[in-house]
Amino acid sequence: MERHELAEQLSELGRLIWEAIQNNDRITELTFELADAKLTLDKVSLEHTRLDSDHAEAIMGFDRDPETLDHRRSLVPPIEWLKYSLFNLALDWVMDQALMRMKIEQKWPFQENDGFSKP
């Protein structure tokens, strides 16, 4: 496999994982709940992470016309971009922590008798 083929396959895997996350309401809900919990534990007021709905639409690109999006995004106040960034940081933390725990706590079937398992 060439490097570019590996990159393409990793992108495909990412797309499939993202699709699985979005298609499972429980995963989506729990991810957002845990991000809120992390922010609360870090003493971040949830009002500092909630976007105005119009700004959210502009930032996240619900309108697919690039020219319109560019114009709408230029009108989004910096504080809304900050809220978006802060919440995304919390979401990334939640996903990173969950993946790390998955690696530590779960085993593939071939790892069950690898000689390294704890009794």
PDB file of N, CA and C in Angstrom:
ATOM      1  N   MET A   1       0.853  -1.170   0.000  1.00  0.00           N
ATOM      2  CA  MET A   1       0.000   0.000   0.000  1.00  0.00           C
ATOM      3  C   MET A   1       0.898   1.232   0.000  1.00  0.00           C
ATOM      4  N   GLU A   2       0.559   2.176  -0.837  1.00  0.00           N
ATOM      5  CA  GLU A   2       1.291   3.445  -0.912  1.00  0.00           C
ATOM      6  C   GLU A   2       0.779   4.399   0.168  1.00  0.00           C
ATOM      7  N   ARG A   3       1.587   5.413   0.465  1.00  0.00           N
ATOM      8  CA  ARG A   3       1.231   6.384   1.504  1.00  0.00           C
ATOM      9  C   ARG A   3      -0.102   7.067   1.214  1.00  0.00           C
ATOM     10  N   HIS A   4      -0.317   7.474  -0.034  1.00  0.00           N
ATOM     11  CA  HIS A   4      -1.570   8.158  -0.369  1.00  0.00           C
ATOM     12  C   HIS A   4      -2.770   7.222  -0.246  1.00  0.00           C
ATOM     13  N   GLU A   5      -2.560   5.927  -0.538  1.00  0.00           N
ATOM     14  CA  GLU A   5      -3.650   4.957  -0.367  1.00  0.00           C
ATOM     15  C   GLU A   5      -3.988   4.786   1.116  1.00  0.00           C
ATOM     16  N   LEU A   6      -2.965   4.755   1.957  1.00  0.00           N
ATOM     17  CA  LEU A   6      -3.190   4.663   3.402  1.00  0.00           C
ATOM     18  C   LEU A   6      -3.976   5.882   3.881  1.00  0.00           C
ATOM     19  N   ALA A   7      -3.582   7.063   3.423  1.00  0.00           N
ATOM     20  CA  ALA A   7      -4.274   8.293   3.806  1.00  0.00           C
ATOM     21  C   ALA A   7      -5.739   8.242   3.376  1.00  0.00           C
ATOM     22  N   GLU A   8      -5.991   7.764   2.175  1.00  0.00           N
ATOM     23  CA  GLU A   8      -7.367   7.665   1.680  1.00  0.00           C
ATOM     24  C   GLU A   8      -8.179   6.673   2.509  1.00  0.00           C
ATOM     25  N   GLN A   9      -7.572   5.543   2.864  1.00  0.00           N
ATOM     26  CA  GLN A   9      -8.274   4.536   3.655  1.00  0.00           C
ATOM     27  C   GLN A   9      -8.537   5.022   5.081  1.00  0.00           C
ATOM     28  N   LEU A  10      -7.589   5.765   5.648  1.00  0.00           N
ATOM     29  CA  LEU A  10      -7.803   6.341   6.976  1.00  0.00           C
ATOM     30  C   LEU A  10      -8.940   7.361   6.940  1.00  0.00           C
ATOM     31  N   SER A  11      -9.003   8.134   5.873  1.00  0.00           N
ATOM     32  CA  SER A  11     -10.108   9.074   5.713  1.00  0.00           C
ATOM     33  C   SER A  11     -11.431   8.331   5.603  1.00  0.00           C
ATOM     34  N   GLU A  12     -11.436   7.239   4.884  1.00  0.00           N
ATOM     35  CA  GLU A  12     -12.651   6.430   4.753  1.00  0.00           C
ATOM     36  C   GLU A  12     -13.063   5.859   6.108  1.00  0.00           C
ATOM     37  N   LEU A  13     -12.106   5.371   6.880  1.00  0.00           N
ATOM     38  CA  LEU A  13     -12.414   4.871   8.213  1.00  0.00           C
ATOM     39  C   LEU A  13     -12.987   5.987   9.081  1.00  0.00           C
ATOM     40  N   GLY A  14     -12.382   7.157   9.025  1.00  0.00           N
ATOM     41  CA  GLY A  14     -12.893   8.305   9.767  1.00  0.00           C
ATOM     42  C   GLY A  14     -14.313   8.645   9.363  1.00  0.00           C
ATOM     43  N   ARG A  15     -14.595   8.586   8.071  1.00  0.00           N
ATOM     44  CA  ARG A  15     -15.943   8.861   7.582  1.00  0.00           C
ATOM     45  C   ARG A  15     -16.929   7.843   8.134  1.00  0.00           C
ATOM     46  N   LEU A  16     -16.545   6.570   8.142  1.00  0.00           N
ATOM     47  CA  LEU A  16     -17.418   5.513   8.656  1.00  0.00           C
ATOM     48  C   LEU A  16     -17.663   5.657  10.162  1.00  0.00           C
ATOM     49  N   ILE A  17     -16.613   5.992  10.899  1.00  0.00           N
ATOM     50  CA  ILE A  17     -16.764   6.200  12.336  1.00  0.00           C
ATOM     51  C   ILE A  17     -17.688   7.380  12.591  1.00  0.00           C
ATOM     52  N   TRP A  18     -17.471   8.467  11.867  1.00  0.00           N
ATOM     53  CA  TRP A  18     -18.307   9.648  12.042  1.00  0.00           C
ATOM     54  C   TRP A  18     -19.764   9.330  11.707  1.00  0.00           C
ATOM     55  N   GLU A  19     -19.969   8.580  10.643  1.00  0.00           N
ATOM     56  CA  GLU A  19     -21.319   8.177  10.250  1.00  0.00           C
ATOM     57  C   GLU A  19     -21.973   7.328  11.347  1.00  0.00           C
ATOM     58  N   ALA A  20     -21.216   6.407  11.928  1.00  0.00           N
ATOM     59  CA  ALA A  20     -21.746   5.565  13.009  1.00  0.00           C
ATOM     60  C   ALA A  20     -22.108   6.409  14.222  1.00  0.00           C
ATOM     61  N   ILE A  21     -21.283   7.383  14.545  1.00  0.00           N
ATOM     62  CA  ILE A  21     -21.564   8.271  15.680  1.00  0.00           C
ATOM     63  C   ILE A  21     -22.844   9.060  15.425  1.00  0.00           C
ATOM     64  N   GLN A  22     -22.939   9.646  14.248  1.00  0.00           N
ATOM     65  CA  GLN A  22     -24.103  10.477  13.932  1.00  0.00           C
ATOM     66  C   GLN A  22     -25.385   9.661  13.817  1.00  0.00           C
ATOM     67  N   ASN A  23     -25.277   8.395  13.470  1.00  0.00           N
ATOM     68  CA  ASN A  23     -26.460   7.557  13.311  1.00  0.00           C
ATOM     69  C   ASN A  23     -26.928   6.917  14.611  1.00  0.00           C
ATOM     70  N   ASN A  24     -26.203   7.147  15.693  1.00  0.00           N
ATOM     71  CA  ASN A  24     -26.564   6.564  16.975  1.00  0.00           C
ATOM     72  C   ASN A  24     -26.850   7.707  17.948  1.00  0.00           C
ATOM     73  N   ASP A  25     -28.137   7.937  18.204  1.00  0.00           N
ATOM     74  CA  ASP A  25     -28.524   9.055  19.069  1.00  0.00           C
ATOM     75  C   ASP A  25     -27.907   8.957  20.456  1.00  0.00           C
ATOM     76  N   ARG A  26     -27.765   7.755  20.980  1.00  0.00           N
ATOM     77  CA  ARG A  26     -27.196   7.584  22.325  1.00  0.00           C
ATOM     78  C   ARG A  26     -25.746   8.062  22.370  1.00  0.00           C
ATOM     79  N   ILE A  27     -24.973   7.746  21.338  1.00  0.00           N
ATOM     80  CA  ILE A  27     -23.583   8.205  21.283  1.00  0.00           C
ATOM     81  C   ILE A  27     -23.543   9.727  21.211  1.00  0.00           C
ATOM     82  N   THR A  28     -24.357  10.300  20.344  1.00  0.00           N
ATOM     83  CA  THR A  28     -24.379  11.752  20.183  1.00  0.00           C
ATOM     84  C   THR A  28     -24.778  12.433  21.487  1.00  0.00           C
ATOM     85  N   GLU A  29     -25.860  11.959  22.101  1.00  0.00           N
ATOM     86  CA  GLU A  29     -26.328  12.557  23.349  1.00  0.00           C
ATOM     87  C   GLU A  29     -25.291  12.437  24.463  1.00  0.00           C
ATOM     88  N   LEU A  30     -24.706  11.255  24.611  1.00  0.00           N
ATOM     89  CA  LEU A  30     -23.721  11.046  25.668  1.00  0.00           C
ATOM     90  C   LEU A  30     -22.467  11.891  25.434  1.00  0.00           C
ATOM     91  N   THR A  31     -22.049  12.028  24.201  1.00  0.00           N
ATOM     92  CA  THR A  31     -20.881  12.851  23.880  1.00  0.00           C
ATOM     93  C   THR A  31     -21.114  14.297  24.311  1.00  0.00           C
ATOM     94  N   PHE A  32     -22.278  14.827  23.984  1.00  0.00           N
ATOM     95  CA  PHE A  32     -22.588  16.205  24.355  1.00  0.00           C
ATOM     96  C   PHE A  32     -22.778  16.348  25.862  1.00  0.00           C
ATOM     97  N   GLU A  33     -23.409  15.370  26.504  1.00  0.00           N
ATOM     98  CA  GLU A  33     -23.572  15.402  27.959  1.00  0.00           C
ATOM     99  C   GLU A  33     -22.212  15.410  28.657  1.00  0.00           C
ATOM    100  N   LEU A  34     -21.301  14.570  28.181  1.00  0.00           N
ATOM    101  CA  LEU A  34     -19.979  14.484  28.795  1.00  0.00           C
ATOM    102  C   LEU A  34     -19.156  15.744  28.549  1.00  0.00           C
ATOM    103  N   ALA A  35     -19.324  16.359  27.383  1.00  0.00           N
ATOM    104  CA  ALA A  35     -18.631  17.628  27.119  1.00  0.00           C
ATOM    105  C   ALA A  35     -19.131  18.700  28.085  1.00  0.00           C
ATOM    106  N   ASP A  36     -20.447  18.747  28.279  1.00  0.00           N
ATOM    107  CA  ASP A  36     -21.009  19.695  29.247  1.00  0.00           C
ATOM    108  C   ASP A  36     -20.483  19.408  30.651  1.00  0.00           C
ATOM    109  N   ALA A  37     -20.425  18.139  31.021  1.00  0.00           N
ATOM    110  CA  ALA A  37     -19.935  17.766  32.353  1.00  0.00           C
ATOM    111  C   ALA A  37     -18.477  18.176  32.525  1.00  0.00           C
ATOM    112  N   LYS A  38     -17.651  17.945  31.524  1.00  0.00           N
ATOM    113  CA  LYS A  38     -16.239  18.328  31.585  1.00  0.00           C
ATOM    114  C   LYS A  38     -16.106  19.831  31.751  1.00  0.00           C
ATOM    115  N   LEU A  39     -16.861  20.586  30.976  1.00  0.00           N
ATOM    116  CA  LEU A  39     -16.797  22.035  31.078  1.00  0.00           C
ATOM    117  C   LEU A  39     -17.250  22.511  32.457  1.00  0.00           C
ATOM    118  N   THR A  40     -18.299  21.900  32.983  1.00  0.00           N
ATOM    119  CA  THR A  40     -18.789  22.262  34.308  1.00  0.00           C
ATOM    120  C   THR A  40     -17.730  21.974  35.365  1.00  0.00           C
ATOM    121  N   LEU A  41     -17.090  20.812  35.286  1.00  0.00           N
ATOM    122  CA  LEU A  41     -16.021  20.477  36.232  1.00  0.00           C
ATOM    123  C   LEU A  41     -14.848  21.451  36.126  1.00  0.00           C
ATOM    124  N   ASP A  42     -14.637  21.971  34.930  1.00  0.00           N
ATOM    125  CA  ASP A  42     -13.567  22.950  34.715  1.00  0.00           C
ATOM    126  C   ASP A  42     -14.012  24.374  35.038  1.00  0.00           C
ATOM    127  N   LYS A  43     -15.205  24.485  35.638  1.00  0.00           N
ATOM    128  CA  LYS A  43     -15.753  25.779  36.070  1.00  0.00           C
ATOM    129  C   LYS A  43     -16.066  26.713  34.900  1.00  0.00           C
ATOM    130  N   VAL A  44     -16.446  26.131  33.774  1.00  0.00           N
ATOM    131  CA  VAL A  44     -16.868  26.916  32.617  1.00  0.00           C
ATOM    132  C   VAL A  44     -18.389  26.959  32.618  1.00  0.00           C
ATOM    133  N   SER A  45     -18.930  28.141  32.624  1.00  0.00           N
ATOM    134  CA  SER A  45     -20.382  28.300  32.585  1.00  0.00           C
ATOM    135  C   SER A  45     -20.887  27.852  31.210  1.00  0.00           C
ATOM    136  N   LEU A  46     -21.929  27.068  31.209  1.00  0.00           N
ATOM    137  CA  LEU A  46     -22.445  26.563  29.937  1.00  0.00           C
ATOM    138  C   LEU A  46     -22.921  27.680  29.019  1.00  0.00           C
ATOM    139  N   GLU A  47     -23.283  28.833  29.590  1.00  0.00           N
ATOM    140  CA  GLU A  47     -23.681  29.963  28.741  1.00  0.00           C
ATOM    141  C   GLU A  47     -22.508  30.450  27.887  1.00  0.00           C
ATOM    142  N   HIS A  48     -21.289  30.120  28.317  1.00  0.00           N
ATOM    143  CA  HIS A  48     -20.106  30.511  27.549  1.00  0.00           C
ATOM    144  C   HIS A  48     -19.784  29.528  26.428  1.00  0.00           C
ATOM    145  N   THR A  49     -20.626  28.512  26.265  1.00  0.00           N
ATOM    146  CA  THR A  49     -20.380  27.545  25.189  1.00  0.00           C
ATOM    147  C   THR A  49     -21.599  27.379  24.284  1.00  0.00           C
ATOM    148  N   ARG A  50     -22.658  28.116  24.549  1.00  0.00           N
ATOM    149  CA  ARG A  50     -23.883  27.985  23.759  1.00  0.00           C
ATOM    150  C   ARG A  50     -23.936  29.069  22.687  1.00  0.00           C
ATOM    151  N   LEU A  51     -23.953  28.612  21.440  1.00  0.00           N
ATOM    152  CA  LEU A  51     -23.979  29.539  20.318  1.00  0.00           C
ATOM    153  C   LEU A  51     -25.389  30.044  20.044  1.00  0.00           C
ATOM    154  N   ASP A  52     -25.467  31.265  19.596  1.00  0.00           N
ATOM    155  CA  ASP A  52     -26.695  31.792  19.035  1.00  0.00           C
ATOM    156  C   ASP A  52     -27.003  30.943  17.795  1.00  0.00           C
ATOM    157  N   SER A  53     -28.255  30.601  17.582  1.00  0.00           N
ATOM    158  CA  SER A  53     -28.596  29.669  16.494  1.00  0.00           C
ATOM    159  C   SER A  53     -28.200  30.196  15.115  1.00  0.00           C
ATOM    160  N   ASP A  54     -28.344  31.495  14.881  1.00  0.00           N
ATOM    161  CA  ASP A  54     -27.936  32.045  13.579  1.00  0.00           C
ATOM    162  C   ASP A  54     -26.429  31.953  13.384  1.00  0.00           C
ATOM    163  N   HIS A  55     -25.693  32.218  14.460  1.00  0.00           N
ATOM    164  CA  HIS A  55     -24.234  32.132  14.368  1.00  0.00           C
ATOM    165  C   HIS A  55     -23.794  30.676  14.206  1.00  0.00           C
ATOM    166  N   ALA A  56     -24.473  29.775  14.875  1.00  0.00           N
ATOM    167  CA  ALA A  56     -24.153  28.355  14.737  1.00  0.00           C
ATOM    168  C   ALA A  56     -24.335  27.915  13.295  1.00  0.00           C
ATOM    169  N   GLU A  57     -25.411  28.364  12.683  1.00  0.00           N
ATOM    170  CA  GLU A  57     -25.660  28.011  11.282  1.00  0.00           C
ATOM    171  C   GLU A  57     -24.547  28.522  10.383  1.00  0.00           C
ATOM    172  N   ALA A  58     -24.115  29.757  10.624  1.00  0.00           N
ATOM    173  CA  ALA A  58     -23.053  30.338   9.802  1.00  0.00           C
ATOM    174  C   ALA A  58     -21.728  29.611  10.025  1.00  0.00           C
ATOM    175  N   ILE A  59     -21.389  29.346  11.276  1.00  0.00           N
ATOM    176  CA  ILE A  59     -20.110  28.715  11.598  1.00  0.00           C
ATOM    177  C   ILE A  59     -20.050  27.284  11.075  1.00  0.00           C
ATOM    178  N   MET A  60     -21.098  26.532  11.306  1.00  0.00           N
ATOM    179  CA  MET A  60     -21.070  25.111  10.954  1.00  0.00           C
ATOM    180  C   MET A  60     -21.444  24.830   9.507  1.00  0.00           C
ATOM    181  N   GLY A  61     -21.835  25.834   8.787  1.00  0.00           N
ATOM    182  CA  GLY A  61     -22.031  25.670   7.357  1.00  0.00           C
ATOM    183  C   GLY A  61     -23.261  24.916   6.934  1.00  0.00           C
ATOM    184  N   PHE A  62     -24.368  25.155   7.622  1.00  0.00           N
ATOM    185  CA  PHE A  62     -25.602  24.491   7.209  1.00  0.00           C
ATOM    186  C   PHE A  62     -26.038  24.975   5.836  1.00  0.00           C
ATOM    187  N   ASP A  63     -25.708  26.215   5.513  1.00  0.00           N
ATOM    188  CA  ASP A  63     -25.971  26.756   4.186  1.00  0.00           C
ATOM    189  C   ASP A  63     -24.757  26.382   3.337  1.00  0.00           C
ATOM    190  N   ARG A  64     -24.952  25.601   2.314  1.00  0.00           N
ATOM    191  CA  ARG A  64     -23.820  25.048   1.554  1.00  0.00           C
ATOM    192  C   ARG A  64     -23.225  25.977   0.504  1.00  0.00           C
ATOM    193  N   ASP A  65     -23.820  27.113   0.258  1.00  0.00           N
ATOM    194  CA  ASP A  65     -23.307  28.048  -0.732  1.00  0.00           C
ATOM    195  C   ASP A  65     -22.065  28.742  -0.161  1.00  0.00           C
ATOM    196  N   PRO A  66     -20.882  28.464  -0.699  1.00  0.00           N
ATOM    197  CA  PRO A  66     -19.638  29.001  -0.121  1.00  0.00           C
ATOM    198  C   PRO A  66     -19.595  30.529  -0.036  1.00  0.00           C
ATOM    199  N   GLU A  67     -20.107  31.213  -1.037  1.00  0.00           N
ATOM    200  CA  GLU A  67     -20.074  32.675  -1.025  1.00  0.00           C
ATOM    201  C   GLU A  67     -20.950  33.230   0.104  1.00  0.00           C
ATOM    202  N   THR A  68     -22.124  32.650   0.267  1.00  0.00           N
ATOM    203  CA  THR A  68     -23.018  33.067   1.345  1.00  0.00           C
ATOM    204  C   THR A  68     -22.401  32.747   2.698  1.00  0.00           C
ATOM    205  N   LEU A  69     -21.811  31.557   2.808  1.00  0.00           N
ATOM    206  CA  LEU A  69     -21.168  31.166   4.071  1.00  0.00           C
ATOM    207  C   LEU A  69     -20.036  32.117   4.433  1.00  0.00           C
ATOM    208  N   ASP A  70     -19.198  32.444   3.473  1.00  0.00           N
ATOM    209  CA  ASP A  70     -18.091  33.372   3.737  1.00  0.00           C
ATOM    210  C   ASP A  70     -18.615  34.705   4.264  1.00  0.00           C
ATOM    211  N   HIS A  71     -19.665  35.204   3.637  1.00  0.00           N
ATOM    212  CA  HIS A  71     -20.239  36.475   4.071  1.00  0.00           C
ATOM    213  C   HIS A  71     -20.826  36.347   5.474  1.00  0.00           C
ATOM    214  N   ARG A  72     -21.613  35.297   5.701  1.00  0.00           N
ATOM    215  CA  ARG A  72     -22.256  35.106   7.004  1.00  0.00           C
ATOM    216  C   ARG A  72     -21.211  34.898   8.098  1.00  0.00           C
ATOM    217  N   ARG A  73     -20.155  34.147   7.805  1.00  0.00           N
ATOM    218  CA  ARG A  73     -19.117  33.895   8.803  1.00  0.00           C
ATOM    219  C   ARG A  73     -18.371  35.170   9.177  1.00  0.00           C
ATOM    220  N   SER A  74     -18.207  36.064   8.224  1.00  0.00           N
ATOM    221  CA  SER A  74     -17.507  37.321   8.528  1.00  0.00           C
ATOM    222  C   SER A  74     -18.308  38.194   9.493  1.00  0.00           C
ATOM    223  N   LEU A  75     -19.609  37.937   9.620  1.00  0.00           N
ATOM    224  CA  LEU A  75     -20.468  38.709  10.519  1.00  0.00           C
ATOM    225  C   LEU A  75     -20.584  38.099  11.914  1.00  0.00           C
ATOM    226  N   VAL A  76     -20.020  36.912  12.097  1.00  0.00           N
ATOM    227  CA  VAL A  76     -20.095  36.250  13.402  1.00  0.00           C
ATOM    228  C   VAL A  76     -19.123  36.934  14.361  1.00  0.00           C
ATOM    229  N   PRO A  77     -19.622  37.387  15.509  1.00  0.00           N
ATOM    230  CA  PRO A  77     -18.739  38.058  16.478  1.00  0.00           C
ATOM    231  C   PRO A  77     -17.685  37.100  17.039  1.00  0.00           C
ATOM    232  N   PRO A  78     -16.520  37.636  17.396  1.00  0.00           N
ATOM    233  CA  PRO A  78     -15.449  36.792  17.938  1.00  0.00           C
ATOM    234  C   PRO A  78     -15.872  35.945  19.142  1.00  0.00           C
ATOM    235  N   ILE A  79     -16.744  36.463  19.993  1.00  0.00           N
ATOM    236  CA  ILE A  79     -17.165  35.701  21.172  1.00  0.00           C
ATOM    237  C   ILE A  79     -17.884  34.412  20.768  1.00  0.00           C
ATOM    238  N   GLU A  80     -18.610  34.437  19.660  1.00  0.00           N
ATOM    239  CA  GLU A  80     -19.295  33.229  19.191  1.00  0.00           C
ATOM    240  C   GLU A  80     -18.286  32.206  18.667  1.00  0.00           C
ATOM    241  N   TRP A  81     -17.239  32.679  17.996  1.00  0.00           N
ATOM    242  CA  TRP A  81     -16.180  31.779  17.553  1.00  0.00           C
ATOM    243  C   TRP A  81     -15.472  31.159  18.757  1.00  0.00           C
ATOM    244  N   LEU A  82     -15.293  31.966  19.810  1.00  0.00           N
ATOM    245  CA  LEU A  82     -14.669  31.463  21.029  1.00  0.00           C
ATOM    246  C   LEU A  82     -15.528  30.374  21.673  1.00  0.00           C
ATOM    247  N   LYS A  83     -16.829  30.594  21.751  1.00  0.00           N
ATOM    248  CA  LYS A  83     -17.749  29.591  22.304  1.00  0.00           C
ATOM    249  C   LYS A  83     -17.649  28.286  21.505  1.00  0.00           C
ATOM    250  N   TYR A  84     -17.649  28.428  20.196  1.00  0.00           N
ATOM    251  CA  TYR A  84     -17.565  27.268  19.312  1.00  0.00           C
ATOM    252  C   TYR A  84     -16.263  26.501  19.557  1.00  0.00           C
ATOM    253  N   SER A  85     -15.161  27.231  19.659  1.00  0.00           N
ATOM    254  CA  SER A  85     -13.857  26.602  19.883  1.00  0.00           C
ATOM    255  C   SER A  85     -13.793  25.906  21.230  1.00  0.00           C
ATOM    256  N   LEU A  86     -14.312  26.564  22.247  1.00  0.00           N
ATOM    257  CA  LEU A  86     -14.281  25.996  23.590  1.00  0.00           C
ATOM    258  C   LEU A  86     -15.077  24.693  23.666  1.00  0.00           C
ATOM    259  N   PHE A  87     -16.259  24.690  23.081  1.00  0.00           N
ATOM    260  CA  PHE A  87     -17.070  23.478  23.121  1.00  0.00           C
ATOM    261  C   PHE A  87     -16.429  22.366  22.286  1.00  0.00           C
ATOM    262  N   ASN A  88     -15.851  22.724  21.148  1.00  0.00           N
ATOM    263  CA  ASN A  88     -15.168  21.713  20.338  1.00  0.00           C
ATOM    264  C   ASN A  88     -13.967  21.130  21.057  1.00  0.00           C
ATOM    265  N   LEU A  89     -13.272  21.945  21.819  1.00  0.00           N
ATOM    266  CA  LEU A  89     -12.154  21.445  22.622  1.00  0.00           C
ATOM    267  C   LEU A  89     -12.660  20.414  23.622  1.00  0.00           C
ATOM    268  N   ALA A  90     -13.783  20.704  24.269  1.00  0.00           N
ATOM    269  CA  ALA A  90     -14.372  19.749  25.219  1.00  0.00           C
ATOM    270  C   ALA A  90     -14.814  18.473  24.494  1.00  0.00           C
ATOM    271  N   LEU A  91     -15.407  18.610  23.331  1.00  0.00           N
ATOM    272  CA  LEU A  91     -15.818  17.422  22.562  1.00  0.00           C
ATOM    273  C   LEU A  91     -14.600  16.577  22.191  1.00  0.00           C
ATOM    274  N   ASP A  92     -13.529  17.222  21.756  1.00  0.00           N
ATOM    275  CA  ASP A  92     -12.301  16.493  21.421  1.00  0.00           C
ATOM    276  C   ASP A  92     -11.755  15.764  22.647  1.00  0.00           C
ATOM    277  N   TRP A  93     -11.767  16.432  23.803  1.00  0.00           N
ATOM    278  CA  TRP A  93     -11.289  15.811  25.035  1.00  0.00           C
ATOM    279  C   TRP A  93     -12.116  14.566  25.353  1.00  0.00           C
ATOM    280  N   VAL A  94     -13.438  14.679  25.256  1.00  0.00           N
ATOM    281  CA  VAL A  94     -14.322  13.541  25.537  1.00  0.00           C
ATOM    282  C   VAL A  94     -14.004  12.378  24.603  1.00  0.00           C
ATOM    283  N   MET A  95     -13.890  12.650  23.320  1.00  0.00           N
ATOM    284  CA  MET A  95     -13.625  11.575  22.359  1.00  0.00           C
ATOM    285  C   MET A  95     -12.242  10.960  22.591  1.00  0.00           C
ATOM    286  N   ASP A  96     -11.240  11.798  22.856  1.00  0.00           N
ATOM    287  CA  ASP A  96      -9.893  11.283  23.131  1.00  0.00           C
ATOM    288  C   ASP A  96      -9.892  10.385  24.363  1.00  0.00           C
ATOM    289  N   GLN A  97     -10.556  10.827  25.420  1.00  0.00           N
ATOM    290  CA  GLN A  97     -10.611  10.038  26.645  1.00  0.00           C
ATOM    291  C   GLN A  97     -11.353   8.724  26.417  1.00  0.00           C
ATOM    292  N   ALA A  98     -12.449   8.783  25.709  1.00  0.00           N
ATOM    293  CA  ALA A  98     -13.222   7.562  25.437  1.00  0.00           C
ATOM    294  C   ALA A  98     -12.411   6.575  24.605  1.00  0.00           C
ATOM    295  N   LEU A  99     -11.712   7.061  23.596  1.00  0.00           N
ATOM    296  CA  LEU A  99     -10.892   6.181  22.765  1.00  0.00           C
ATOM    297  C   LEU A  99      -9.741   5.578  23.559  1.00  0.00           C
ATOM    298  N   MET A 100      -9.135   6.370  24.436  1.00  0.00           N
ATOM    299  CA  MET A 100      -8.043   5.852  25.260  1.00  0.00           C
ATOM    300  C   MET A 100      -8.560   4.756  26.185  1.00  0.00           C
ATOM    301  N   ARG A 101      -9.707   4.984  26.797  1.00  0.00           N
ATOM    302  CA  ARG A 101     -10.281   3.971  27.681  1.00  0.00           C
ATOM    303  C   ARG A 101     -10.674   2.723  26.903  1.00  0.00           C
ATOM    304  N   MET A 102     -11.148   2.928  25.680  1.00  0.00           N
ATOM    305  CA  MET A 102     -11.482   1.787  24.838  1.00  0.00           C
ATOM    306  C   MET A 102     -10.225   0.939  24.591  1.00  0.00           C
ATOM    307  N   LYS A 103      -9.125   1.598  24.288  1.00  0.00           N
ATOM    308  CA  LYS A 103      -7.882   0.877  24.030  1.00  0.00           C
ATOM    309  C   LYS A 103      -7.405   0.119  25.264  1.00  0.00           C
ATOM    310  N   ILE A 104      -7.562   0.724  26.430  1.00  0.00           N
ATOM    311  CA  ILE A 104      -7.097   0.117  27.674  1.00  0.00           C
ATOM    312  C   ILE A 104      -8.018  -1.002  28.146  1.00  0.00           C
ATOM    313  N   GLU A 105      -9.318  -0.759  28.087  1.00  0.00           N
ATOM    314  CA  GLU A 105     -10.285  -1.665  28.715  1.00  0.00           C
ATOM    315  C   GLU A 105     -10.815  -2.763  27.791  1.00  0.00           C
ATOM    316  N   GLN A 106     -10.841  -2.515  26.519  1.00  0.00           N
ATOM    317  CA  GLN A 106     -11.412  -3.498  25.584  1.00  0.00           C
ATOM    318  C   GLN A 106     -10.291  -4.266  24.887  1.00  0.00           C
ATOM    319  N   LYS A 107     -10.612  -5.448  24.495  1.00  0.00           N
ATOM    320  CA  LYS A 107      -9.631  -6.253  23.767  1.00  0.00           C
ATOM    321  C   LYS A 107     -10.284  -6.817  22.507  1.00  0.00           C
ATOM    322  N   TRP A 108      -9.494  -6.909  21.475  1.00  0.00           N
ATOM    323  CA  TRP A 108      -9.938  -7.594  20.277  1.00  0.00           C
ATOM    324  C   TRP A 108      -9.924  -9.091  20.603  1.00  0.00           C
ATOM    325  N   PRO A 109     -10.710  -9.883  19.904  1.00  0.00           N
ATOM    326  CA  PRO A 109     -10.722 -11.327  20.185  1.00  0.00           C
ATOM    327  C   PRO A 109      -9.331 -11.964  20.159  1.00  0.00           C
ATOM    328  N   PHE A 110      -8.451 -11.563  19.276  1.00  0.00           N
ATOM    329  CA  PHE A 110      -7.124 -12.170  19.188  1.00  0.00           C
ATOM    330  C   PHE A 110      -6.227 -11.799  20.365  1.00  0.00           C
ATOM    331  N   GLN A 111      -6.603 -10.785  21.157  1.00  0.00           N
ATOM    332  CA  GLN A 111      -5.798 -10.375  22.306  1.00  0.00           C
ATOM    333  C   GLN A 111      -6.164 -11.130  23.585  1.00  0.00           C
ATOM    334  N   GLU A 112      -7.231 -11.854  23.585  1.00  0.00           N
ATOM    335  CA  GLU A 112      -7.713 -12.523  24.789  1.00  0.00           C
ATOM    336  C   GLU A 112      -6.685 -13.500  25.360  1.00  0.00           C
ATOM    337  N   ASN A 113      -5.955 -14.199  24.526  1.00  0.00           N
ATOM    338  CA  ASN A 113      -4.980 -15.192  24.984  1.00  0.00           C
ATOM    339  C   ASN A 113      -3.585 -14.865  24.481  1.00  0.00           C
ATOM    340  N   ASP A 114      -3.230 -13.589  24.597  1.00  0.00           N
ATOM    341  CA  ASP A 114      -1.939 -13.181  24.061  1.00  0.00           C
ATOM    342  C   ASP A 114      -0.783 -13.317  25.045  1.00  0.00           C
ATOM    343  N   GLY A 115      -1.068 -13.821  26.254  1.00  0.00           N
ATOM    344  CA  GLY A 115      -0.019 -13.993  27.246  1.00  0.00           C
ATOM    345  C   GLY A 115       0.249 -12.746  28.051  1.00  0.00           C
ATOM    346  N   PHE A 116      -0.339 -11.631  27.642  1.00  0.00           N
ATOM    347  CA  PHE A 116      -0.148 -10.368  28.347  1.00  0.00           C
ATOM    348  C   PHE A 116      -1.384  -9.993  29.164  1.00  0.00           C
ATOM    349  N   SER A 117      -2.440 -10.745  29.020  1.00  0.00           N
ATOM    350  CA  SER A 117      -3.688 -10.423  29.720  1.00  0.00           C
ATOM    351  C   SER A 117      -3.507 -10.644  31.217  1.00  0.00           C
ATOM    352  N   LYS A 118      -4.177  -9.811  31.984  1.00  0.00           N
ATOM    353  CA  LYS A 118      -4.157  -9.952  33.438  1.00  0.00           C
ATOM    354  C   LYS A 118      -5.061 -11.102  33.812  1.00  0.00           C
ATOM    355  N   PRO A 119      -4.684 -11.868  34.843  1.00  0.00           N
ATOM    356  CA  PRO A 119      -5.518 -13.007  35.258  1.00  0.00           C
ATOM    357  C   PRO A 119      -6.840 -12.557  35.819  1.00  0.00           C
TER     358      PRO A 119
END
